[in-house]
Amino acid sequence: MLTSFLIGLLAGGFGGLVGLGGGVFIIALTVRYFKFTQIQAHATALMGLTFTGLAGALTYYLHGSVDFTAAVCLASAAIVTARFGALYAHALPEWQLKRAFGVFLLCVSALLLAKPYLANLAVLSHPAATWVKIVALVVSGAAAGFLGGMMGVGGGSIMIPAMVLVVGLSQYTAQGTSLLAIAPIGMMGAFTHWRLGNMVVRVLPGLVVGVVLGSFLSGSLAHFLSQGELRLIFAVVLTWMGIRNIRAALRLKAALAPSPSRA
């Protein structure tokens, strides 16, 4: 109970600060400390994401940093594709899912480091037409939903750049809106995994309490603290976890490979 609470607190804390769901921490730490399989970790993380999104979005809303119209566009597409992402993850071998998760972590790390430069590009660009903004939201929401269902994450790494670069939302509003859209992604993905028997229910009470508390506290701090150093630390941690998952996937693949016949 205590371990799951601390994992949820860490995931909710980082998720609220950078506008992501925090699923990467839930997955990595439940695999390490609870010895979950990769698919069990992804499934359980999605339930945590539902509460990360709700608690974090509420905190951002209290600071006036949520765009409900954008959130509806994102979530309406994500709900459809999250189920297919979960089904695809269920069909993948363990080592392939680990490898895909490791590569995903490296991509998110690079995107976090590039975020200030992407924001500068958004300021220099011309405002997009309304229909372009709607298409960007729907497409990024659909991609985030599939990725969320597959990887056990909220998809904020896809939605936030689209909202900042194309829609023109501020960084804080994009993060708050992303958290609100994450909730239905987590809910649909978690429900699909639960029906497939992948979710580990016993850790959810402590995990959910930790996630809600961490999201609430960090969502408030995000409006007062500079995110530059935090983003760098977060990117370094993600890079380390990504490399670690890829290496583990390669070891697992080698262990499953048939041994060569001896003459």
Protein backbone atom coordinates (compact mmCIF):
# COMPACT_ATOMS: atom_id res chain seq x y z
CA MET A 1 0.00 0.00 0.00
CA LEU A 2 2.77 2.44 0.96
CA THR A 3 4.87 1.59 -2.09
CA SER A 4 1.95 2.03 -4.47
CA PHE A 5 1.09 5.35 -2.77
CA LEU A 6 4.65 6.66 -3.22
CA ILE A 7 4.67 5.57 -6.87
CA GLY A 8 1.37 7.40 -7.42
CA LEU A 9 2.66 10.49 -5.60
CA LEU A 10 5.76 10.64 -7.80
CA ALA A 11 3.79 10.02 -11.00
CA GLY A 12 1.11 12.57 -10.13
CA GLY A 13 3.73 15.11 -9.08
CA PHE A 14 5.71 15.02 -12.31
CA GLY A 15 2.58 14.65 -14.39
CA GLY A 16 1.00 17.78 -12.96
CA LEU A 17 4.15 19.84 -13.34
CA VAL A 18 4.83 19.09 -17.01
CA GLY A 19 1.28 18.36 -18.19
CA LEU A 20 1.86 14.67 -18.86
CA GLY A 21 -0.01 11.82 -17.24
CA GLY A 22 2.91 10.41 -15.28
CA GLY A 23 2.28 6.94 -16.65
CA VAL A 24 5.95 6.46 -17.52
CA PHE A 25 6.81 6.45 -13.83
CA ILE A 26 3.95 4.15 -12.88
CA ILE A 27 5.00 1.65 -15.55
CA ALA A 28 8.72 1.73 -14.79
CA LEU A 29 8.30 1.52 -11.02
CA THR A 30 5.58 -1.15 -10.94
CA VAL A 31 7.71 -3.33 -13.20
CA ARG A 32 10.72 -2.79 -10.93
CA TYR A 33 9.16 -3.07 -7.47
CA PHE A 34 6.03 -5.19 -8.05
CA LYS A 35 7.54 -7.33 -10.83
CA PHE A 36 4.57 -6.65 -13.11
CA THR A 37 4.75 -7.81 -16.68
CA GLN A 38 4.96 -4.95 -19.18
CA ILE A 39 1.31 -5.31 -20.19
CA GLN A 40 0.15 -5.39 -16.55
CA ALA A 41 2.11 -2.20 -15.85
CA HIS A 42 0.61 -0.44 -18.88
CA ALA A 43 -2.92 -1.47 -17.93
CA THR A 44 -2.58 -0.39 -14.30
CA ALA A 45 -0.95 2.91 -15.28
CA LEU A 46 -3.95 3.82 -17.42
CA MET A 47 -6.25 3.71 -14.39
CA GLY A 48 -3.83 5.99 -12.56
CA LEU A 49 -3.86 8.37 -15.53
CA THR A 50 -7.60 8.82 -15.23
CA PHE A 51 -7.20 10.32 -11.77
CA THR A 52 -4.03 12.23 -12.70
CA GLY A 53 -5.98 13.94 -15.46
CA LEU A 54 -9.01 14.76 -13.33
CA ALA A 55 -7.07 16.06 -10.32
CA GLY A 56 -4.50 17.94 -12.38
CA ALA A 57 -7.09 19.50 -14.69
CA LEU A 58 -9.13 20.70 -11.71
CA THR A 59 -6.10 22.47 -10.28
CA TYR A 60 -5.26 24.10 -13.62
CA TYR A 61 -8.93 25.10 -14.03
CA LEU A 62 -8.86 26.91 -10.71
CA HIS A 63 -6.00 28.98 -12.15
CA GLY A 64 -7.93 29.61 -15.38
CA SER A 65 -5.67 27.40 -17.50
CA VAL A 66 -8.06 24.96 -19.22
CA ASP A 67 -9.60 25.27 -22.69
CA PHE A 68 -12.73 23.10 -22.63
CA THR A 69 -13.40 23.32 -26.37
CA ALA A 70 -9.93 22.05 -27.18
CA ALA A 71 -10.26 19.32 -24.55
CA VAL A 72 -13.52 18.07 -26.11
CA CYS A 73 -11.93 17.91 -29.58
CA LEU A 74 -8.95 15.99 -28.21
CA ALA A 75 -10.93 13.59 -26.05
CA SER A 76 -13.63 12.81 -28.64
CA ALA A 77 -10.99 11.41 -30.98
CA ALA A 78 -8.86 9.83 -28.25
CA ILE A 79 -11.72 7.79 -26.79
CA VAL A 80 -12.16 6.00 -30.12
CA THR A 81 -8.50 5.15 -30.68
CA ALA A 82 -7.52 4.33 -27.06
CA ARG A 83 -9.34 1.01 -27.26
CA PHE A 84 -7.46 0.00 -30.40
CA GLY A 85 -4.15 0.95 -28.80
CA ALA A 86 -4.89 -1.27 -25.81
CA LEU A 87 -5.86 -4.18 -28.07
CA TYR A 88 -2.66 -3.74 -30.08
CA ALA A 89 -0.54 -3.75 -26.92
CA HIS A 90 -2.28 -6.93 -25.75
CA ALA A 91 -1.28 -8.66 -28.98
CA LEU A 92 2.42 -7.70 -28.80
CA PRO A 93 5.07 -10.02 -27.33
CA GLU A 94 6.55 -8.81 -24.03
CA TRP A 95 9.93 -7.88 -25.50
CA GLN A 96 8.40 -5.86 -28.34
CA LEU A 97 6.24 -3.89 -25.91
CA LYS A 98 9.27 -3.18 -23.72
CA ARG A 99 11.27 -2.03 -26.75
CA ALA A 100 8.46 0.19 -27.99
CA PHE A 101 8.10 1.73 -24.55
CA GLY A 102 11.83 2.42 -24.35
CA VAL A 103 11.87 4.14 -27.75
CA PHE A 104 8.80 6.15 -26.73
CA LEU A 105 10.59 7.38 -23.58
CA LEU A 106 13.56 8.57 -25.63
CA CYS A 107 11.23 10.46 -27.99
CA VAL A 108 9.40 12.13 -25.10
CA SER A 109 12.73 13.11 -23.54
CA ALA A 110 13.87 14.77 -26.77
CA LEU A 111 10.54 16.54 -27.12
CA LEU A 112 10.70 17.90 -23.59
CA LEU A 113 14.18 19.31 -24.20
CA ALA A 114 13.03 20.91 -27.46
CA LYS A 115 9.86 22.38 -25.96
CA PRO A 116 11.22 25.94 -25.40
CA TYR A 117 12.40 26.12 -29.03
CA LEU A 118 9.06 24.82 -30.30
CA ALA A 119 7.28 27.49 -28.27
CA ASN A 120 9.46 30.16 -29.89
CA LEU A 121 8.46 28.83 -33.32
CA ALA A 122 4.82 29.15 -32.33
CA VAL A 123 5.28 32.80 -31.39
CA LEU A 124 6.92 33.58 -34.74
CA SER A 125 4.35 31.76 -36.86
CA HIS A 126 1.11 33.23 -38.20
CA PRO A 127 -2.17 32.30 -36.45
CA ALA A 128 -3.72 29.19 -37.96
CA ALA A 129 -7.22 29.14 -39.40
CA THR A 130 -10.01 27.76 -37.21
CA TRP A 131 -10.47 24.61 -39.31
CA VAL A 132 -6.72 23.95 -39.17
CA LYS A 133 -6.83 24.18 -35.37
CA ILE A 134 -9.76 21.74 -35.18
CA VAL A 135 -8.04 19.25 -37.50
CA ALA A 136 -4.82 19.53 -35.50
CA LEU A 137 -6.70 18.85 -32.26
CA VAL A 138 -8.62 15.86 -33.65
CA VAL A 139 -5.54 14.30 -35.28
CA SER A 140 -3.33 14.80 -32.21
CA GLY A 141 -6.13 13.49 -29.99
CA ALA A 142 -6.50 10.36 -32.11
CA ALA A 143 -2.75 9.76 -32.06
CA ALA A 144 -2.59 10.40 -28.32
CA GLY A 145 -5.47 7.99 -27.68
CA PHE A 146 -3.86 5.14 -29.60
CA LEU A 147 -0.49 5.80 -27.99
CA GLY A 148 -2.10 6.05 -24.58
CA GLY A 149 -3.94 2.76 -24.92
CA MET A 150 -0.83 1.04 -26.19
CA MET A 151 1.83 2.56 -23.93
CA GLY A 152 -0.18 3.20 -20.76
CA VAL A 153 0.48 6.95 -20.95
CA GLY A 154 -1.75 9.96 -21.40
CA GLY A 155 -0.41 11.21 -24.72
CA GLY A 156 0.34 14.70 -23.47
CA SER A 157 3.66 14.63 -25.32
CA ILE A 158 1.63 14.69 -28.56
CA MET A 159 -1.27 16.93 -27.55
CA ILE A 160 0.70 19.74 -25.88
CA PRO A 161 2.96 20.59 -28.86
CA ALA A 162 -0.09 20.63 -31.15
CA MET A 163 -1.93 23.03 -28.85
CA VAL A 164 1.09 25.32 -28.44
CA LEU A 165 2.31 25.32 -32.06
CA VAL A 166 -0.93 25.18 -34.07
CA VAL A 167 -3.77 26.26 -31.79
CA GLY A 168 -1.73 28.99 -30.10
CA LEU A 169 -2.54 28.18 -26.47
CA SER A 170 -0.15 29.19 -23.73
CA GLN A 171 2.07 26.52 -22.23
CA TYR A 172 0.09 26.43 -18.98
CA THR A 173 -3.30 26.28 -20.74
CA ALA A 174 -2.02 23.53 -23.05
CA GLN A 175 -0.88 21.51 -20.03
CA GLY A 176 -4.18 21.97 -18.20
CA THR A 177 -6.19 21.08 -21.30
CA SER A 178 -4.00 18.04 -21.93
CA LEU A 179 -4.63 16.78 -18.41
CA LEU A 180 -8.39 17.12 -18.86
CA ALA A 181 -8.24 15.17 -22.14
CA ILE A 182 -6.06 12.50 -20.53
CA ALA A 183 -8.87 11.39 -18.19
CA PRO A 184 -11.11 9.75 -20.86
CA ILE A 185 -8.04 8.30 -22.59
CA GLY A 186 -7.04 6.59 -19.35
CA MET A 187 -10.60 5.49 -18.65
CA MET A 188 -11.18 3.86 -22.04
CA GLY A 189 -7.74 2.24 -22.17
CA ALA A 190 -8.05 0.97 -18.60
CA PHE A 191 -11.50 -0.48 -19.24
CA THR A 192 -10.26 -2.34 -22.32
CA HIS A 193 -7.26 -3.75 -20.46
CA TRP A 194 -9.47 -4.71 -17.49
CA ARG A 195 -11.73 -6.71 -19.81
CA LEU A 196 -8.64 -8.43 -21.21
CA GLY A 197 -7.51 -9.36 -17.69
CA ASN A 198 -4.35 -7.24 -17.73
CA MET A 199 -5.04 -4.90 -14.81
CA VAL A 200 -3.68 -5.52 -11.28
CA VAL A 201 -6.45 -4.14 -9.07
CA ARG A 202 -4.78 -4.68 -5.67
CA VAL A 203 -2.37 -1.74 -6.07
CA LEU A 204 -4.99 0.75 -7.25
CA PRO A 205 -6.16 2.17 -3.86
CA GLY A 206 -2.71 3.39 -2.82
CA LEU A 207 -1.78 4.37 -6.37
CA VAL A 208 -4.90 6.48 -6.92
CA VAL A 209 -4.59 8.32 -3.59
CA GLY A 210 -0.95 9.14 -4.34
CA VAL A 211 -1.72 10.26 -7.89
CA VAL A 212 -4.52 12.60 -6.79
CA LEU A 213 -2.42 14.19 -4.04
CA GLY A 214 0.65 14.54 -6.26
CA SER A 215 -1.35 16.02 -9.16
CA PHE A 216 -3.06 18.57 -6.92
CA LEU A 217 0.15 19.77 -5.27
CA SER A 218 2.22 19.91 -8.46
CA GLY A 219 -0.55 21.54 -10.48
CA SER A 220 -0.48 24.45 -8.05
CA LEU A 221 3.32 24.66 -8.01
CA ALA A 222 3.47 24.69 -11.81
CA HIS A 223 2.11 28.24 -11.86
CA PHE A 224 4.85 29.54 -9.56
CA LEU A 225 7.99 27.57 -10.47
CA SER A 226 10.19 27.73 -13.53
CA GLN A 227 10.02 24.43 -15.42
CA GLY A 228 13.41 24.63 -17.15
CA GLU A 229 15.47 22.72 -14.59
CA LEU A 230 12.63 20.30 -13.85
CA ARG A 231 12.23 19.57 -17.55
CA LEU A 232 15.97 18.82 -17.83
CA ILE A 233 15.90 16.45 -14.84
CA PHE A 234 12.76 14.78 -16.17
CA ALA A 235 14.36 14.32 -19.61
CA VAL A 236 17.48 12.77 -18.09
CA VAL A 237 15.39 10.32 -16.04
CA LEU A 238 13.30 9.40 -19.09
CA THR A 239 16.42 8.84 -21.19
CA TRP A 240 17.86 6.53 -18.54
CA MET A 241 14.61 4.58 -18.28
CA GLY A 242 14.29 4.40 -22.07
CA ILE A 243 17.75 2.94 -22.54
CA ARG A 244 17.11 0.55 -19.66
CA ASN A 245 13.88 -0.72 -21.25
CA ILE A 246 15.47 -1.19 -24.66
CA ARG A 247 18.34 -3.18 -23.16
CA ALA A 248 15.89 -5.29 -21.14
CA ALA A 249 13.88 -5.94 -24.31
CA LEU A 250 16.99 -7.08 -26.17
CA ARG A 251 17.92 -9.43 -23.32
CA LEU A 252 14.40 -10.84 -23.24
CA LYS A 253 14.41 -11.33 -27.02
CA ALA A 254 17.75 -13.13 -26.82
CA ALA A 255 16.45 -15.37 -24.03
CA LEU A 256 13.38 -16.31 -26.07
CA ALA A 257 15.34 -17.00 -29.25
CA PRO A 258 15.81 -20.70 -30.05
CA SER A 259 19.32 -21.88 -29.36
CA PRO A 260 21.31 -22.84 -32.50
CA SER A 261 21.56 -26.53 -33.09
CA ARG A 262 24.94 -28.07 -32.48
CA ALA A 263 26.61 -30.30 -34.92
